[in-house]
């Protein structure tokens, strides 16, 4: 739910990251349908390498859009996510 991606897409992405050695996937004891995910050393190295680029891109967006406007937009998107989750929950309950 938090990724805003369909479950089959998340499954493929997780499988690819695991196959590439970026994450470790372990089955939750007592619930074979669930897994825990953790970055591997290789995954942590990648995050460390790309973090500066990601931060620079974010800074460019913030500079162009405005820090206050971006913060407000992110707050609104968080609120929208809460509303959409409630709508989904209501649909599932009916």
Protein backbone atom coordinates (compact mmCIF):
# COMPACT_ATOMS: atom_id res chain seq x y z
CA UNK A 1 0.00 0.00 0.00
CA UNK A 2 2.73 2.45 0.92
CA UNK A 3 4.48 2.03 -2.42
CA UNK A 4 1.38 2.97 -4.45
CA UNK A 5 2.26 0.02 -6.70
CA UNK A 6 0.22 -3.05 -7.53
CA UNK A 7 1.21 -6.19 -5.62
CA UNK A 8 2.47 -8.05 -8.74
CA UNK A 9 4.77 -5.12 -9.53
CA UNK A 10 6.15 -5.07 -5.99
CA UNK A 11 6.70 -8.84 -6.17
CA UNK A 12 8.69 -8.48 -9.41
CA UNK A 13 10.74 -5.56 -8.07
CA UNK A 14 11.57 -7.39 -4.83
CA UNK A 15 12.51 -10.54 -6.74
CA UNK A 16 14.79 -8.55 -9.04
CA UNK A 17 16.48 -6.74 -6.13
CA UNK A 18 17.01 -10.07 -4.37
CA UNK A 19 18.35 -11.70 -7.54
CA UNK A 20 20.73 -8.77 -8.01
CA UNK A 21 21.98 -9.15 -4.44
CA UNK A 22 20.68 -5.75 -3.32
CA UNK A 23 18.31 -7.07 -0.65
CA UNK A 24 17.88 -10.15 1.49
CA UNK A 25 14.38 -11.59 1.77
CA UNK A 26 13.46 -13.79 4.73
CA UNK A 27 10.12 -15.46 5.38
CA UNK A 28 8.34 -14.35 8.55
CA UNK A 29 8.21 -17.22 11.03
CA UNK A 30 4.62 -18.36 11.37
CA UNK A 31 3.39 -16.61 8.20
CA UNK A 32 4.87 -17.94 4.98
CA UNK A 33 2.97 -15.27 3.01
CA UNK A 34 5.01 -12.46 4.56
CA UNK A 35 8.67 -11.57 4.20
CA UNK A 36 11.10 -9.22 5.82
CA UNK A 37 13.46 -7.32 3.57
CA UNK A 38 16.89 -5.95 4.41
CA UNK A 39 19.57 -4.22 2.38
CA UNK A 40 22.66 -6.28 1.77
CA UNK A 41 26.14 -4.80 1.84
CA UNK A 42 25.89 -4.41 -1.93
CA UNK A 43 22.53 -2.63 -1.57
CA UNK A 44 23.90 -0.27 1.10
CA UNK A 45 26.84 0.58 -1.17
CA UNK A 46 24.45 1.45 -3.99
CA UNK A 47 22.36 3.67 -1.71
CA UNK A 48 25.51 5.41 -0.49
CA UNK A 49 26.66 5.96 -4.08
CA UNK A 50 23.37 7.34 -5.43
CA UNK A 51 22.26 9.32 -2.36
CA UNK A 52 24.20 12.46 -3.35
CA UNK A 53 22.58 12.46 -6.80
CA UNK A 54 19.13 11.97 -5.30
CA UNK A 55 19.71 14.75 -2.78
CA UNK A 56 20.93 17.08 -5.52
CA UNK A 57 17.85 16.39 -7.63
CA UNK A 58 15.60 17.01 -4.64
CA UNK A 59 17.43 20.29 -3.94
CA UNK A 60 16.87 21.40 -7.56
CA UNK A 61 13.16 20.62 -7.31
CA UNK A 62 12.93 22.44 -3.99
CA UNK A 63 14.75 25.47 -5.39
CA UNK A 64 12.55 25.63 -8.48
CA UNK A 65 9.23 24.96 -6.72
CA UNK A 66 9.94 26.58 -3.37
CA UNK A 67 10.61 24.89 -0.04
CA UNK A 68 7.30 25.98 1.54
CA UNK A 69 5.24 24.97 -1.50
CA UNK A 70 6.99 21.60 -1.70
CA UNK A 71 6.43 20.93 2.02
CA UNK A 72 2.75 21.87 1.63
CA UNK A 73 2.42 19.61 -1.41
CA UNK A 74 3.98 16.68 0.44
CA UNK A 75 1.62 17.27 3.37
CA UNK A 76 -1.35 17.30 1.01
CA UNK A 77 -0.16 14.09 -0.64
CA UNK A 78 0.12 12.45 2.78
CA UNK A 79 -3.45 13.53 3.53
CA UNK A 80 -4.62 12.20 0.16
CA UNK A 81 -2.99 8.87 0.90
CA UNK A 82 -4.92 8.63 4.18
CA UNK A 83 -8.19 9.38 2.37
CA UNK A 84 -7.49 6.87 -0.40
CA UNK A 85 -6.62 4.19 2.17
CA UNK A 86 -9.94 4.85 3.91
CA UNK A 87 -11.80 4.56 0.59
CA UNK A 88 -10.04 1.25 -0.12
CA UNK A 89 -10.84 -0.03 3.37
CA UNK A 90 -14.51 0.92 2.93
CA UNK A 91 -14.67 -0.89 -0.43
CA UNK A 92 -13.11 -4.02 1.04
CA UNK A 93 -15.53 -3.96 3.99
CA UNK A 94 -18.59 -3.83 1.74
